[in-house]
Amino acid sequence: MAKQISNNIRKLRFEHDEMTQAALAEALGVTRQTVAAMEGNKYPPSLELAFKLADLFDEDISDVFEYNEIN
């Protein structure tokens, strides 16, 4: 069965003072377009970027990203 990576980036941004995509991008050292692509599940982040996101939000990586089966 096929699987895909999904994420909770948008939810976490809003839980952290409604952080904008631009502010998150700046904190991570990427472009706003990269953040938008990750949120839309169009761009899977590198492992390093995934850990940076988790650290920034003070979450476990499994609370930011999920690997789910698709039907």
PDB file of N, CA and C in Angstrom:
ATOM      1  N   MET A   1       0.844  -1.182   0.000  1.00  0.00           N
ATOM      2  CA  MET A   1       0.000   0.000   0.000  1.00  0.00           C
ATOM      3  C   MET A   1       0.891   1.248   0.000  1.00  0.00           C
ATOM      4  N   ALA A   2       0.462   2.272  -0.694  1.00  0.00           N
ATOM      5  CA  ALA A   2       1.231   3.516  -0.803  1.00  0.00           C
ATOM      6  C   ALA A   2       1.117   4.339   0.477  1.00  0.00           C
ATOM      7  N   LYS A   3       2.165   5.120   0.727  1.00  0.00           N
ATOM      8  CA  LYS A   3       2.178   6.000   1.899  1.00  0.00           C
ATOM      9  C   LYS A   3       2.596   7.398   1.472  1.00  0.00           C
ATOM     10  N   GLN A   4       2.232   8.348   2.290  1.00  0.00           N
ATOM     11  CA  GLN A   4       2.637   9.726   2.036  1.00  0.00           C
ATOM     12  C   GLN A   4       2.940  10.425   3.358  1.00  0.00           C
ATOM     13  N   ILE A   5       3.756  11.460   3.270  1.00  0.00           N
ATOM     14  CA  ILE A   5       4.086  12.268   4.446  1.00  0.00           C
ATOM     15  C   ILE A   5       3.097  13.427   4.506  1.00  0.00           C
ATOM     16  N   SER A   6       2.516  13.632   5.668  1.00  0.00           N
ATOM     17  CA  SER A   6       1.672  14.803   5.906  1.00  0.00           C
ATOM     18  C   SER A   6       2.274  15.559   7.081  1.00  0.00           C
ATOM     19  N   ASN A   7       1.788  16.772   7.296  1.00  0.00           N
ATOM     20  CA  ASN A   7       2.388  17.562   8.374  1.00  0.00           C
ATOM     21  C   ASN A   7       1.350  18.444   9.057  1.00  0.00           C
ATOM     22  N   ASN A   8       1.767  18.977  10.190  1.00  0.00           N
ATOM     23  CA  ASN A   8       0.935  19.874  10.993  1.00  0.00           C
ATOM     24  C   ASN A   8       1.556  21.268  11.078  1.00  0.00           C
ATOM     25  N   ILE A   9       2.315  21.654  10.072  1.00  0.00           N
ATOM     26  CA  ILE A   9       3.038  22.921  10.119  1.00  0.00           C
ATOM     27  C   ILE A   9       2.080  24.101  10.253  1.00  0.00           C
ATOM     28  N   ARG A  10       1.053  24.133   9.431  1.00  0.00           N
ATOM     29  CA  ARG A  10       0.109  25.260   9.480  1.00  0.00           C
ATOM     30  C   ARG A  10      -0.517  25.381  10.875  1.00  0.00           C
ATOM     31  N   LYS A  11      -0.970  24.261  11.423  1.00  0.00           N
ATOM     32  CA  LYS A  11      -1.578  24.249  12.754  1.00  0.00           C
ATOM     33  C   LYS A  11      -0.580  24.763  13.795  1.00  0.00           C
ATOM     34  N   LEU A  12       0.650  24.295  13.714  1.00  0.00           N
ATOM     35  CA  LEU A  12       1.663  24.710  14.681  1.00  0.00           C
ATOM     36  C   LEU A  12       1.996  26.189  14.551  1.00  0.00           C
ATOM     37  N   ARG A  13       2.016  26.714  13.326  1.00  0.00           N
ATOM     38  CA  ARG A  13       2.259  28.150  13.147  1.00  0.00           C
ATOM     39  C   ARG A  13       1.202  28.966  13.871  1.00  0.00           C
ATOM     40  N   PHE A  14      -0.056  28.561  13.728  1.00  0.00           N
ATOM     41  CA  PHE A  14      -1.141  29.319  14.345  1.00  0.00           C
ATOM     42  C   PHE A  14      -1.158  29.156  15.863  1.00  0.00           C
ATOM     43  N   GLU A  15      -0.679  28.035  16.345  1.00  0.00           N
ATOM     44  CA  GLU A  15      -0.572  27.843  17.793  1.00  0.00           C
ATOM     45  C   GLU A  15       0.599  28.632  18.384  1.00  0.00           C
ATOM     46  N   HIS A  16       1.493  29.102  17.548  1.00  0.00           N
ATOM     47  CA  HIS A  16       2.657  29.890  17.984  1.00  0.00           C
ATOM     48  C   HIS A  16       2.478  31.335  17.528  1.00  0.00           C
ATOM     49  N   ASP A  17       1.511  31.995  18.137  1.00  0.00           N
ATOM     50  CA  ASP A  17       1.240  33.417  17.901  1.00  0.00           C
ATOM     51  C   ASP A  17       0.918  33.735  16.451  1.00  0.00           C
ATOM     52  N   GLU A  18       0.248  32.803  15.777  1.00  0.00           N
ATOM     53  CA  GLU A  18      -0.144  32.992  14.376  1.00  0.00           C
ATOM     54  C   GLU A  18       1.045  33.410  13.518  1.00  0.00           C
ATOM     55  N   MET A  19       2.134  32.684  13.696  1.00  0.00           N
ATOM     56  CA  MET A  19       3.360  32.934  12.942  1.00  0.00           C
ATOM     57  C   MET A  19       3.073  32.887  11.448  1.00  0.00           C
ATOM     58  N   THR A  20       3.605  33.835  10.712  1.00  0.00           N
ATOM     59  CA  THR A  20       3.408  33.847   9.261  1.00  0.00           C
ATOM     60  C   THR A  20       4.360  32.864   8.595  1.00  0.00           C
ATOM     61  N   GLN A  21       4.039  32.521   7.359  1.00  0.00           N
ATOM     62  CA  GLN A  21       4.950  31.678   6.584  1.00  0.00           C
ATOM     63  C   GLN A  21       6.293  32.373   6.423  1.00  0.00           C
ATOM     64  N   ALA A  22       6.264  33.682   6.211  1.00  0.00           N
ATOM     65  CA  ALA A  22       7.508  34.438   6.039  1.00  0.00           C
ATOM     66  C   ALA A  22       8.367  34.391   7.299  1.00  0.00           C
ATOM     67  N   ALA A  23       7.750  34.547   8.465  1.00  0.00           N
ATOM     68  CA  ALA A  23       8.496  34.503   9.725  1.00  0.00           C
ATOM     69  C   ALA A  23       9.089  33.114   9.957  1.00  0.00           C
ATOM     70  N   LEU A  24       8.324  32.080   9.651  1.00  0.00           N
ATOM     71  CA  LEU A  24       8.830  30.716   9.796  1.00  0.00           C
ATOM     72  C   LEU A  24       9.985  30.481   8.830  1.00  0.00           C
ATOM     73  N   ALA A  25       9.813  30.928   7.612  1.00  0.00           N
ATOM     74  CA  ALA A  25      10.866  30.770   6.608  1.00  0.00           C
ATOM     75  C   ALA A  25      12.164  31.432   7.072  1.00  0.00           C
ATOM     76  N   GLU A  26      12.050  32.642   7.588  1.00  0.00           N
ATOM     77  CA  GLU A  26      13.235  33.364   8.062  1.00  0.00           C
ATOM     78  C   GLU A  26      13.913  32.608   9.199  1.00  0.00           C
ATOM     79  N   ALA A  27      13.115  32.084  10.126  1.00  0.00           N
ATOM     80  CA  ALA A  27      13.667  31.343  11.263  1.00  0.00           C
ATOM     81  C   ALA A  27      14.379  30.061  10.818  1.00  0.00           C
ATOM     82  N   LEU A  28      13.911  29.482   9.721  1.00  0.00           N
ATOM     83  CA  LEU A  28      14.483  28.224   9.228  1.00  0.00           C
ATOM     84  C   LEU A  28      15.589  28.436   8.192  1.00  0.00           C
ATOM     85  N   GLY A  29      15.678  29.655   7.648  1.00  0.00           N
ATOM     86  CA  GLY A  29      16.668  29.915   6.610  1.00  0.00           C
ATOM     87  C   GLY A  29      16.263  29.396   5.245  1.00  0.00           C
ATOM     88  N   VAL A  30      14.945  29.382   4.990  1.00  0.00           N
ATOM     89  CA  VAL A  30      14.416  28.965   3.685  1.00  0.00           C
ATOM     90  C   VAL A  30      13.507  30.065   3.157  1.00  0.00           C
ATOM     91  N   THR A  31      12.956  29.877   1.980  1.00  0.00           N
ATOM     92  CA  THR A  31      12.047  30.870   1.418  1.00  0.00           C
ATOM     93  C   THR A  31      10.618  30.611   1.898  1.00  0.00           C
ATOM     94  N   ARG A  32       9.781  31.643   1.792  1.00  0.00           N
ATOM     95  CA  ARG A  32       8.369  31.494   2.134  1.00  0.00           C
ATOM     96  C   ARG A  32       7.722  30.466   1.213  1.00  0.00           C
ATOM     97  N   GLN A  33       8.174  30.412  -0.032  1.00  0.00           N
ATOM     98  CA  GLN A  33       7.628  29.443  -0.983  1.00  0.00           C
ATOM     99  C   GLN A  33       7.917  28.011  -0.547  1.00  0.00           C
ATOM    100  N   THR A  34       9.070  27.802   0.062  1.00  0.00           N
ATOM    101  CA  THR A  34       9.398  26.470   0.579  1.00  0.00           C
ATOM    102  C   THR A  34       8.450  26.085   1.702  1.00  0.00           C
ATOM    103  N   VAL A  35       8.181  27.014   2.596  1.00  0.00           N
ATOM    104  CA  VAL A  35       7.236  26.747   3.691  1.00  0.00           C
ATOM    105  C   VAL A  35       5.858  26.443   3.122  1.00  0.00           C
ATOM    106  N   ALA A  36       5.403  27.235   2.156  1.00  0.00           N
ATOM    107  CA  ALA A  36       4.091  27.004   1.545  1.00  0.00           C
ATOM    108  C   ALA A  36       4.033  25.631   0.877  1.00  0.00           C
ATOM    109  N   ALA A  37       5.098  25.249   0.197  1.00  0.00           N
ATOM    110  CA  ALA A  37       5.132  23.945  -0.473  1.00  0.00           C
ATOM    111  C   ALA A  37       5.113  22.800   0.542  1.00  0.00           C
ATOM    112  N   MET A  38       5.830  22.969   1.661  1.00  0.00           N
ATOM    113  CA  MET A  38       5.803  21.934   2.700  1.00  0.00           C
ATOM    114  C   MET A  38       4.407  21.815   3.297  1.00  0.00           C
ATOM    115  N   GLU A  39       3.791  22.948   3.605  1.00  0.00           N
ATOM    116  CA  GLU A  39       2.442  22.924   4.187  1.00  0.00           C
ATOM    117  C   GLU A  39       1.447  22.246   3.251  1.00  0.00           C
ATOM    118  N   GLY A  40       1.617  22.460   1.954  1.00  0.00           N
ATOM    119  CA  GLY A  40       0.712  21.874   0.969  1.00  0.00           C
ATOM    120  C   GLY A  40       1.072  20.460   0.571  1.00  0.00           C
ATOM    121  N   ASN A  41       2.029  19.867   1.281  1.00  0.00           N
ATOM    122  CA  ASN A  41       2.498  18.504   1.002  1.00  0.00           C
ATOM    123  C   ASN A  41       2.999  18.348  -0.426  1.00  0.00           C
ATOM    124  N   LYS A  42       3.549  19.423  -0.979  1.00  0.00           N
ATOM    125  CA  LYS A  42       4.121  19.383  -2.319  1.00  0.00           C
ATOM    126  C   LYS A  42       5.643  19.250  -2.279  1.00  0.00           C
ATOM    127  N   TYR A  43       6.226  19.448  -1.105  1.00  0.00           N
ATOM    128  CA  TYR A  43       7.678  19.388  -0.954  1.00  0.00           C
ATOM    129  C   TYR A  43       8.015  18.715   0.370  1.00  0.00           C
ATOM    130  N   PRO A  44       8.585  17.516   0.317  1.00  0.00           N
ATOM    131  CA  PRO A  44       9.017  16.885   1.564  1.00  0.00           C
ATOM    132  C   PRO A  44      10.344  17.494   2.008  1.00  0.00           C
ATOM    133  N   PRO A  45      10.425  17.966   3.239  1.00  0.00           N
ATOM    134  CA  PRO A  45      11.659  18.601   3.692  1.00  0.00           C
ATOM    135  C   PRO A  45      12.782  17.587   3.869  1.00  0.00           C
ATOM    136  N   SER A  46      14.001  18.101   3.844  1.00  0.00           N
ATOM    137  CA  SER A  46      15.147  17.256   4.175  1.00  0.00           C
ATOM    138  C   SER A  46      15.014  16.839   5.637  1.00  0.00           C
ATOM    139  N   LEU A  47      15.750  15.840   6.009  1.00  0.00           N
ATOM    140  CA  LEU A  47      15.721  15.389   7.402  1.00  0.00           C
ATOM    141  C   LEU A  47      16.189  16.505   8.330  1.00  0.00           C
ATOM    142  N   GLU A  48      17.222  17.235   7.915  1.00  0.00           N
ATOM    143  CA  GLU A  48      17.723  18.344   8.725  1.00  0.00           C
ATOM    144  C   GLU A  48      16.650  19.418   8.916  1.00  0.00           C
ATOM    145  N   LEU A  49      15.958  19.771   7.840  1.00  0.00           N
ATOM    146  CA  LEU A  49      14.911  20.788   7.928  1.00  0.00           C
ATOM    147  C   LEU A  49      13.746  20.291   8.784  1.00  0.00           C
ATOM    148  N   ALA A  50      13.417  19.026   8.679  1.00  0.00           N
ATOM    149  CA  ALA A  50      12.343  18.463   9.502  1.00  0.00           C
ATOM    150  C   ALA A  50      12.690  18.585  10.991  1.00  0.00           C
ATOM    151  N   PHE A  51      13.936  18.289  11.345  1.00  0.00           N
ATOM    152  CA  PHE A  51      14.353  18.421  12.742  1.00  0.00           C
ATOM    153  C   PHE A  51      14.376  19.875  13.184  1.00  0.00           C
ATOM    154  N   LYS A  52      14.787  20.779  12.298  1.00  0.00           N
ATOM    155  CA  LYS A  52      14.764  22.205  12.627  1.00  0.00           C
ATOM    156  C   LYS A  52      13.340  22.663  12.934  1.00  0.00           C
ATOM    157  N   LEU A  53      12.393  22.221  12.125  1.00  0.00           N
ATOM    158  CA  LEU A  53      10.984  22.570  12.357  1.00  0.00           C
ATOM    159  C   LEU A  53      10.522  22.064  13.721  1.00  0.00           C
ATOM    160  N   ALA A  54      10.798  20.813  13.999  1.00  0.00           N
ATOM    161  CA  ALA A  54      10.391  20.228  15.283  1.00  0.00           C
ATOM    162  C   ALA A  54      11.018  20.989  16.445  1.00  0.00           C
ATOM    163  N   ASP A  55      12.302  21.300  16.335  1.00  0.00           N
ATOM    164  CA  ASP A  55      12.983  22.052  17.400  1.00  0.00           C
ATOM    165  C   ASP A  55      12.378  23.442  17.568  1.00  0.00           C
ATOM    166  N   LEU A  56      12.115  24.114  16.464  1.00  0.00           N
ATOM    167  CA  LEU A  56      11.567  25.460  16.516  1.00  0.00           C
ATOM    168  C   LEU A  56      10.229  25.485  17.258  1.00  0.00           C
ATOM    169  N   PHE A  57       9.399  24.488  17.004  1.00  0.00           N
ATOM    170  CA  PHE A  57       8.089  24.425  17.645  1.00  0.00           C
ATOM    171  C   PHE A  57       8.123  23.680  18.976  1.00  0.00           C
ATOM    172  N   ASP A  58       9.316  23.201  19.387  1.00  0.00           N
ATOM    173  CA  ASP A  58       9.488  22.449  20.628  1.00  0.00           C
ATOM    174  C   ASP A  58       8.557  21.242  20.663  1.00  0.00           C
ATOM    175  N   GLU A  59       8.572  20.504  19.560  1.00  0.00           N
ATOM    176  CA  GLU A  59       7.734  19.307  19.407  1.00  0.00           C
ATOM    177  C   GLU A  59       8.597  18.130  18.999  1.00  0.00           C
ATOM    178  N   ASP A  60       8.096  16.922  19.237  1.00  0.00           N
ATOM    179  CA  ASP A  60       8.735  15.736  18.674  1.00  0.00           C
ATOM    180  C   ASP A  60       8.488  15.750  17.173  1.00  0.00           C
ATOM    181  N   ILE A  61       9.419  15.208  16.432  1.00  0.00           N
ATOM    182  CA  ILE A  61       9.281  15.206  14.975  1.00  0.00           C
ATOM    183  C   ILE A  61       8.005  14.476  14.547  1.00  0.00           C
ATOM    184  N   SER A  62       7.605  13.466  15.310  1.00  0.00           N
ATOM    185  CA  SER A  62       6.388  12.714  14.971  1.00  0.00           C
ATOM    186  C   SER A  62       5.123  13.521  15.243  1.00  0.00           C
ATOM    187  N   ASP A  63       5.226  14.631  15.965  1.00  0.00           N
ATOM    188  CA  ASP A  63       4.082  15.511  16.170  1.00  0.00           C
ATOM    189  C   ASP A  63       3.982  16.557  15.065  1.00  0.00           C
ATOM    190  N   VAL A  64       5.049  16.706  14.289  1.00  0.00           N
ATOM    191  CA  VAL A  64       5.053  17.649  13.169  1.00  0.00           C
ATOM    192  C   VAL A  64       4.735  16.914  11.873  1.00  0.00           C
ATOM    193  N   PHE A  65       5.312  15.725  11.706  1.00  0.00           N
ATOM    194  CA  PHE A  65       5.143  14.954  10.474  1.00  0.00           C
ATOM    195  C   PHE A  65       4.542  13.586  10.762  1.00  0.00           C
ATOM    196  N   GLU A  66       3.737  13.112   9.826  1.00  0.00           N
ATOM    197  CA  GLU A  66       3.144  11.780   9.914  1.00  0.00           C
ATOM    198  C   GLU A  66       3.364  11.055   8.597  1.00  0.00           C
ATOM    199  N   TYR A  67       3.518   9.756   8.666  1.00  0.00           N
ATOM    200  CA  TYR A  67       3.703   8.918   7.490  1.00  0.00           C
ATOM    201  C   TYR A  67       2.502   7.984   7.422  1.00  0.00           C
ATOM    202  N   ASN A  68       1.544   8.322   6.558  1.00  0.00           N
ATOM    203  CA  ASN A  68       0.258   7.629   6.542  1.00  0.00           C
ATOM    204  C   ASN A  68       0.041   6.844   5.256  1.00  0.00           C
ATOM    205  N   GLU A  69      -0.732   5.780   5.387  1.00  0.00           N
ATOM    206  CA  GLU A  69      -1.157   5.030   4.200  1.00  0.00           C
ATOM    207  C   GLU A  69      -2.225   5.847   3.472  1.00  0.00           C
ATOM    208  N   ILE A  70      -2.194   5.784   2.154  1.00  0.00           N
ATOM    209  CA  ILE A  70      -3.223   6.435   1.356  1.00  0.00           C
ATOM    210  C   ILE A  70      -4.024   5.362   0.645  1.00  0.00           C
ATOM    211  N   ASN A  71      -5.292   5.609   0.507  1.00  0.00           N
ATOM    212  CA  ASN A  71      -6.181   4.607  -0.114  1.00  0.00           C
ATOM    213  C   ASN A  71      -6.236   4.772  -1.603  1.00  0.00           C
TER     214      ASN A  71
END
